[in-house]
Amino acid sequence: MSVRGGVAGPPGELRLRLARPDDARRLFDWANDPATRAASFDRAPIPWPVHVAWLAGVLADPDRRLWIAEEAGVLVGQLRVDRTPGGLGTVSIGLAPAARGRGLGPAVLRMGVAAAVRELGIGRVRAVVMAANRPSRRLFEGAGFVPVGVAAPGGVAAAGVVAAPGADHSGHPAALVLEADATAFAAEPESRS
């Protein structure tokens, strides 16, 4: 089944569907959840007009996909992939506050990256996470992402450089860059095991 129509596992399991304009309020609430803001590079709350404009831009951009994860009809999270020239996709994932800690992250990540391979044609996938955000690091590293550098104001530092928890000299949180072979996700089952 095409991701544009949704990706579903067996009944009662996790499913992805493309985000729609009417998802704006839910995505806004998740993005402004205190735990989400604390784990974000920009910790300031997101104003509603900025969020609505951002969502419209994402939905209209052929190089971006934003999926909503549902479990038994309940919205449990979102995953976005932004394609760059050269077949690299940058992934961002967030779970609803009530869905955190339930083990849904790995399945949403696998399904979303597999969908991005099919829909966007990506070959590699990148995640940029705060080095001190241990849950995000565990999620990505557990899925086979490996550290390739640290995010810096001018781009990514040399390969093999791993950020330490904390902040850089300017007070910004250290950002760890992780990458994986996206095509490996496309060969995996789409449903949560």
C-alpha atoms as a PDB file:
ATOM      1  CA  MET A   1       0.000   0.000   0.000  1.00  0.00           C
ATOM      2  CA  SER A   2       1.325   3.476  -0.792  1.00  0.00           C
ATOM      3  CA  VAL A   3       2.285   5.636   2.150  1.00  0.00           C
ATOM      4  CA  ARG A   4       0.141   8.383   0.688  1.00  0.00           C
ATOM      5  CA  GLY A   5      -2.835   6.209   1.570  1.00  0.00           C
ATOM      6  CA  GLY A   6      -1.320   5.148   4.884  1.00  0.00           C
ATOM      7  CA  VAL A   7       0.962   2.403   6.097  1.00  0.00           C
ATOM      8  CA  ALA A   8      -0.682  -0.137   8.302  1.00  0.00           C
ATOM      9  CA  GLY A   9       0.396  -3.163  10.263  1.00  0.00           C
ATOM     10  CA  PRO A  10      -1.977  -5.884  11.415  1.00  0.00           C
ATOM     11  CA  PRO A  11      -5.265  -4.685  12.992  1.00  0.00           C
ATOM     12  CA  GLY A  12      -4.824  -2.872  16.306  1.00  0.00           C
ATOM     13  CA  GLU A  13      -1.214  -2.048  15.601  1.00  0.00           C
ATOM     14  CA  LEU A  14       0.661   1.051  14.619  1.00  0.00           C
ATOM     15  CA  ARG A  15      -0.166   2.884  11.393  1.00  0.00           C
ATOM     16  CA  LEU A  16       1.246   5.935   9.636  1.00  0.00           C
ATOM     17  CA  ARG A  17      -0.711   8.411   7.582  1.00  0.00           C
ATOM     18  CA  LEU A  18       0.279  11.688   6.011  1.00  0.00           C
ATOM     19  CA  ALA A  19      -0.356  14.748   8.143  1.00  0.00           C
ATOM     20  CA  ARG A  20      -3.205  17.048   7.138  1.00  0.00           C
ATOM     21  CA  PRO A  21      -4.005  20.689   7.879  1.00  0.00           C
ATOM     22  CA  ASP A  22      -6.548  19.569  10.503  1.00  0.00           C
ATOM     23  CA  ASP A  23      -3.672  18.001  12.497  1.00  0.00           C
ATOM     24  CA  ALA A  24      -2.346  21.492  13.265  1.00  0.00           C
ATOM     25  CA  ARG A  25      -3.745  21.774  16.803  1.00  0.00           C
ATOM     26  CA  ARG A  26      -2.516  18.337  17.892  1.00  0.00           C
ATOM     27  CA  LEU A  27       0.953  18.902  16.419  1.00  0.00           C
ATOM     28  CA  PHE A  28       1.057  22.345  18.050  1.00  0.00           C
ATOM     29  CA  ASP A  29       0.181  20.884  21.455  1.00  0.00           C
ATOM     30  CA  TRP A  30       2.815  18.148  21.123  1.00  0.00           C
ATOM     31  CA  ALA A  31       5.462  20.645  19.981  1.00  0.00           C
ATOM     32  CA  ASN A  32       4.754  22.941  22.924  1.00  0.00           C
ATOM     33  CA  ASP A  33       4.631  20.189  25.535  1.00  0.00           C
ATOM     34  CA  PRO A  34       7.135  21.140  28.294  1.00  0.00           C
ATOM     35  CA  ALA A  35       9.164  17.932  27.882  1.00  0.00           C
ATOM     36  CA  THR A  36       9.361  18.488  24.115  1.00  0.00           C
ATOM     37  CA  ARG A  37      10.508  22.077  24.533  1.00  0.00           C
ATOM     38  CA  ALA A  38      13.127  20.982  27.085  1.00  0.00           C
ATOM     39  CA  ALA A  39      14.549  18.458  24.579  1.00  0.00           C
ATOM     40  CA  SER A  40      14.549  20.957  21.697  1.00  0.00           C
ATOM     41  CA  PHE A  41      17.411  23.148  20.505  1.00  0.00           C
ATOM     42  CA  ASP A  42      15.117  26.174  20.668  1.00  0.00           C
ATOM     43  CA  ARG A  43      13.317  25.881  23.981  1.00  0.00           C
ATOM     44  CA  ALA A  44      11.011  28.869  23.497  1.00  0.00           C
ATOM     45  CA  PRO A  45       7.313  28.086  23.027  1.00  0.00           C
ATOM     46  CA  ILE A  46       6.181  28.104  19.402  1.00  0.00           C
ATOM     47  CA  PRO A  47       3.522  30.746  18.629  1.00  0.00           C
ATOM     48  CA  TRP A  48       0.376  29.482  16.887  1.00  0.00           C
ATOM     49  CA  PRO A  49       0.760  31.639  13.718  1.00  0.00           C
ATOM     50  CA  VAL A  50       4.369  30.453  13.299  1.00  0.00           C
ATOM     51  CA  HIS A  51       3.283  26.833  13.709  1.00  0.00           C
ATOM     52  CA  VAL A  52       0.426  27.118  11.195  1.00  0.00           C
ATOM     53  CA  ALA A  53       2.726  28.722   8.605  1.00  0.00           C
ATOM     54  CA  TRP A  54       5.375  26.037   9.225  1.00  0.00           C
ATOM     55  CA  LEU A  55       2.838  23.220   8.803  1.00  0.00           C
ATOM     56  CA  ALA A  56       1.490  24.692   5.568  1.00  0.00           C
ATOM     57  CA  GLY A  57       5.039  24.925   4.241  1.00  0.00           C
ATOM     58  CA  VAL A  58       5.855  21.328   5.185  1.00  0.00           C
ATOM     59  CA  LEU A  59       2.671  19.963   3.635  1.00  0.00           C
ATOM     60  CA  ALA A  60       3.299  21.857   0.375  1.00  0.00           C
ATOM     61  CA  ASP A  61       6.986  20.923   0.035  1.00  0.00           C
ATOM     62  CA  PRO A  62       7.666  17.944  -2.264  1.00  0.00           C
ATOM     63  CA  ASP A  63      10.981  17.314  -0.471  1.00  0.00           C
ATOM     64  CA  ARG A  64       9.352  16.861   2.931  1.00  0.00           C
ATOM     65  CA  ARG A  65       6.954  14.338   4.436  1.00  0.00           C
ATOM     66  CA  LEU A  66       5.205  14.560   7.768  1.00  0.00           C
ATOM     67  CA  TRP A  67       3.454  11.431   8.990  1.00  0.00           C
ATOM     68  CA  ILE A  68       1.138  10.960  11.938  1.00  0.00           C
ATOM     69  CA  ALA A  69       1.421   7.703  13.870  1.00  0.00           C
ATOM     70  CA  GLU A  70      -1.824   6.147  15.083  1.00  0.00           C
ATOM     71  CA  GLU A  71      -2.353   3.171  17.351  1.00  0.00           C
ATOM     72  CA  ALA A  72      -5.856   1.719  17.304  1.00  0.00           C
ATOM     73  CA  GLY A  73      -7.153   5.060  15.972  1.00  0.00           C
ATOM     74  CA  VAL A  74      -5.414   7.139  18.662  1.00  0.00           C
ATOM     75  CA  LEU A  75      -2.800   9.658  17.515  1.00  0.00           C
ATOM     76  CA  VAL A  76       0.469   8.764  19.243  1.00  0.00           C
ATOM     77  CA  GLY A  77       3.183  10.732  17.451  1.00  0.00           C
ATOM     78  CA  GLN A  78       4.696  12.249  14.358  1.00  0.00           C
ATOM     79  CA  LEU A  79       7.718  11.709  12.155  1.00  0.00           C
ATOM     80  CA  ARG A  80       9.076  14.124   9.567  1.00  0.00           C
ATOM     81  CA  VAL A  81      11.731  13.551   6.913  1.00  0.00           C
ATOM     82  CA  ASP A  82      13.295  16.396   4.954  1.00  0.00           C
ATOM     83  CA  ARG A  83      15.107  15.314   1.774  1.00  0.00           C
ATOM     84  CA  THR A  84      18.254  17.127   0.726  1.00  0.00           C
ATOM     85  CA  PRO A  85      20.070  16.907  -2.618  1.00  0.00           C
ATOM     86  CA  GLY A  86      22.086  13.716  -2.829  1.00  0.00           C
ATOM     87  CA  GLY A  87      19.465  11.432  -1.294  1.00  0.00           C
ATOM     88  CA  LEU A  88      19.981  12.282   2.375  1.00  0.00           C
ATOM     89  CA  GLY A  89      16.908  12.557   4.594  1.00  0.00           C
ATOM     90  CA  THR A  90      16.933  14.348   7.933  1.00  0.00           C
ATOM     91  CA  VAL A  91      14.494  12.766  10.363  1.00  0.00           C
ATOM     92  CA  SER A  92      12.641  14.314  13.283  1.00  0.00           C
ATOM     93  CA  ILE A  93      10.369  12.296  15.554  1.00  0.00           C
ATOM     94  CA  GLY A  94       8.115  13.134  18.468  1.00  0.00           C
ATOM     95  CA  LEU A  95       5.647  11.128  20.489  1.00  0.00           C
ATOM     96  CA  ALA A  96       2.531  12.367  22.223  1.00  0.00           C
ATOM     97  CA  PRO A  97       3.111  12.809  25.968  1.00  0.00           C
ATOM     98  CA  ALA A  98       0.766   9.900  26.790  1.00  0.00           C
ATOM     99  CA  ALA A  99       2.587   7.619  24.322  1.00  0.00           C
ATOM    100  CA  ARG A 100       6.109   8.131  25.686  1.00  0.00           C
ATOM    101  CA  GLY A 101       7.806   5.280  27.484  1.00  0.00           C
ATOM    102  CA  ARG A 102       5.633   2.626  25.804  1.00  0.00           C
ATOM    103  CA  GLY A 103       8.196   1.438  23.275  1.00  0.00           C
ATOM    104  CA  LEU A 104       6.486   2.995  20.244  1.00  0.00           C
ATOM    105  CA  GLY A 105       9.447   5.105  19.106  1.00  0.00           C
ATOM    106  CA  PRO A 106      11.430   2.337  17.356  1.00  0.00           C
ATOM    107  CA  ALA A 107       8.417   1.181  15.328  1.00  0.00           C
ATOM    108  CA  VAL A 108       7.429   4.733  14.314  1.00  0.00           C
ATOM    109  CA  LEU A 109      11.034   5.420  13.312  1.00  0.00           C
ATOM    110  CA  ARG A 110      11.368   2.220  11.259  1.00  0.00           C
ATOM    111  CA  MET A 111       8.046   2.738   9.505  1.00  0.00           C
ATOM    112  CA  GLY A 112       8.731   6.403   8.775  1.00  0.00           C
ATOM    113  CA  VAL A 113      12.215   5.866   7.374  1.00  0.00           C
ATOM    114  CA  ALA A 114      10.965   2.966   5.236  1.00  0.00           C
ATOM    115  CA  ALA A 115       8.189   5.241   3.936  1.00  0.00           C
ATOM    116  CA  ALA A 116      10.726   7.998   3.196  1.00  0.00           C
ATOM    117  CA  VAL A 117      12.815   5.567   1.150  1.00  0.00           C
ATOM    118  CA  ARG A 118       9.761   4.755  -0.970  1.00  0.00           C
ATOM    119  CA  GLU A 119       8.240   8.233  -1.150  1.00  0.00           C
ATOM    120  CA  LEU A 120      11.324  10.481  -1.218  1.00  0.00           C
ATOM    121  CA  GLY A 121      13.949   8.107  -2.615  1.00  0.00           C
ATOM    122  CA  ILE A 122      16.427   8.705   0.204  1.00  0.00           C
ATOM    123  CA  GLY A 123      19.426   6.405   0.597  1.00  0.00           C
ATOM    124  CA  ARG A 124      20.809   7.685   3.899  1.00  0.00           C
ATOM    125  CA  VAL A 125      19.076   9.157   6.898  1.00  0.00           C
ATOM    126  CA  ARG A 126      20.393  11.626   9.467  1.00  0.00           C
ATOM    127  CA  ALA A 127      19.224  12.642  12.925  1.00  0.00           C
ATOM    128  CA  VAL A 128      20.522  15.621  14.873  1.00  0.00           C
ATOM    129  CA  VAL A 129      19.840  15.292  18.584  1.00  0.00           C
ATOM    130  CA  MET A 130      20.942  17.060  21.723  1.00  0.00           C
ATOM    131  CA  ALA A 131      23.854  15.003  23.027  1.00  0.00           C
ATOM    132  CA  ALA A 132      22.358  15.067  26.514  1.00  0.00           C
ATOM    133  CA  ASN A 133      18.997  13.727  25.259  1.00  0.00           C
ATOM    134  CA  ARG A 134      19.594  10.104  26.214  1.00  0.00           C
ATOM    135  CA  PRO A 135      16.148   8.784  25.131  1.00  0.00           C
ATOM    136  CA  SER A 136      16.642  10.155  21.594  1.00  0.00           C
ATOM    137  CA  ARG A 137      20.175   8.816  21.422  1.00  0.00           C
ATOM    138  CA  ARG A 138      19.002   5.364  22.552  1.00  0.00           C
ATOM    139  CA  LEU A 139      16.206   5.412  19.979  1.00  0.00           C
ATOM    140  CA  PHE A 140      18.452   6.265  17.046  1.00  0.00           C
ATOM    141  CA  GLU A 141      21.470   4.221  18.108  1.00  0.00           C
ATOM    142  CA  GLY A 142      19.206   1.240  18.801  1.00  0.00           C
ATOM    143  CA  ALA A 143      17.897   1.538  15.238  1.00  0.00           C
ATOM    144  CA  GLY A 144      21.401   1.359  13.793  1.00  0.00           C
ATOM    145  CA  PHE A 145      22.283   5.046  13.522  1.00  0.00           C
ATOM    146  CA  VAL A 146      25.942   5.760  14.242  1.00  0.00           C
ATOM    147  CA  PRO A 147      27.568   9.018  15.365  1.00  0.00           C
ATOM    148  CA  VAL A 148      29.242  10.845  12.489  1.00  0.00           C
ATOM    149  CA  GLY A 149      29.954  14.212  14.061  1.00  0.00           C
ATOM    150  CA  VAL A 150      28.627  17.151  15.962  1.00  0.00           C
ATOM    151  CA  ALA A 151      26.442  19.905  14.629  1.00  0.00           C
ATOM    152  CA  ALA A 152      28.214  23.218  14.480  1.00  0.00           C
ATOM    153  CA  PRO A 153      27.087  26.689  13.414  1.00  0.00           C
ATOM    154  CA  GLY A 154      28.710  26.125  10.004  1.00  0.00           C
ATOM    155  CA  GLY A 155      27.590  22.523   9.524  1.00  0.00           C
ATOM    156  CA  VAL A 156      28.781  19.128  10.730  1.00  0.00           C
ATOM    157  CA  ALA A 157      32.199  18.627  12.319  1.00  0.00           C
ATOM    158  CA  ALA A 158      34.637  16.021  11.077  1.00  0.00           C
ATOM    159  CA  ALA A 159      33.476  12.413  10.952  1.00  0.00           C
ATOM    160  CA  GLY A 160      34.017  10.422  14.110  1.00  0.00           C
ATOM    161  CA  VAL A 161      33.742  13.404  16.443  1.00  0.00           C
ATOM    162  CA  VAL A 162      31.236  12.639  19.169  1.00  0.00           C
ATOM    163  CA  ALA A 163      29.707  15.368  21.271  1.00  0.00           C
ATOM    164  CA  ALA A 164      29.800  15.206  25.030  1.00  0.00           C
ATOM    165  CA  PRO A 165      26.681  15.977  27.049  1.00  0.00           C
ATOM    166  CA  GLY A 166      26.299  19.608  27.986  1.00  0.00           C
ATOM    167  CA  ALA A 167      26.610  22.851  26.087  1.00  0.00           C
ATOM    168  CA  ASP A 168      29.151  24.382  23.753  1.00  0.00           C
ATOM    169  CA  HIS A 169      31.156  27.492  24.630  1.00  0.00           C
ATOM    170  CA  SER A 170      28.291  29.753  23.564  1.00  0.00           C
ATOM    171  CA  GLY A 171      25.772  28.011  25.831  1.00  0.00           C
ATOM    172  CA  HIS A 172      23.970  26.136  23.032  1.00  0.00           C
ATOM    173  CA  PRO A 173      23.258  22.455  23.693  1.00  0.00           C
ATOM    174  CA  ALA A 174      25.781  20.123  22.075  1.00  0.00           C
ATOM    175  CA  ALA A 175      24.221  18.389  19.085  1.00  0.00           C
ATOM    176  CA  LEU A 176      25.153  14.880  18.039  1.00  0.00           C
ATOM    177  CA  VAL A 177      24.763  13.935  14.372  1.00  0.00           C
ATOM    178  CA  LEU A 178      23.847  10.301  13.709  1.00  0.00           C
ATOM    179  CA  GLU A 179      23.371   8.584  10.353  1.00  0.00           C
ATOM    180  CA  ALA A 180      22.205   5.242   8.987  1.00  0.00           C
ATOM    181  CA  ASP A 181      21.640   3.452   5.698  1.00  0.00           C
ATOM    182  CA  ALA A 182      17.985   4.269   5.037  1.00  0.00           C
ATOM    183  CA  THR A 183      17.537   1.416   2.577  1.00  0.00           C
ATOM    184  CA  ALA A 184      18.029  -1.092   5.407  1.00  0.00           C
ATOM    185  CA  PHE A 185      14.766   0.176   6.916  1.00  0.00           C
ATOM    186  CA  ALA A 186      12.861  -0.411   3.681  1.00  0.00           C
ATOM    187  CA  ALA A 187      13.580  -4.148   3.904  1.00  0.00           C
ATOM    188  CA  GLU A 188      12.079  -4.434   7.397  1.00  0.00           C
ATOM    189  CA  PRO A 189       8.421  -5.219   8.153  1.00  0.00           C
ATOM    190  CA  GLU A 190       6.278  -2.096   8.436  1.00  0.00           C
ATOM    191  CA  SER A 191       4.281  -3.134  11.479  1.00  0.00           C
ATOM    192  CA  ARG A 192       5.303  -3.054  15.095  1.00  0.00           C
ATOM    193  CA  SER A 193       6.610  -6.376  16.304  1.00  0.00           C
END
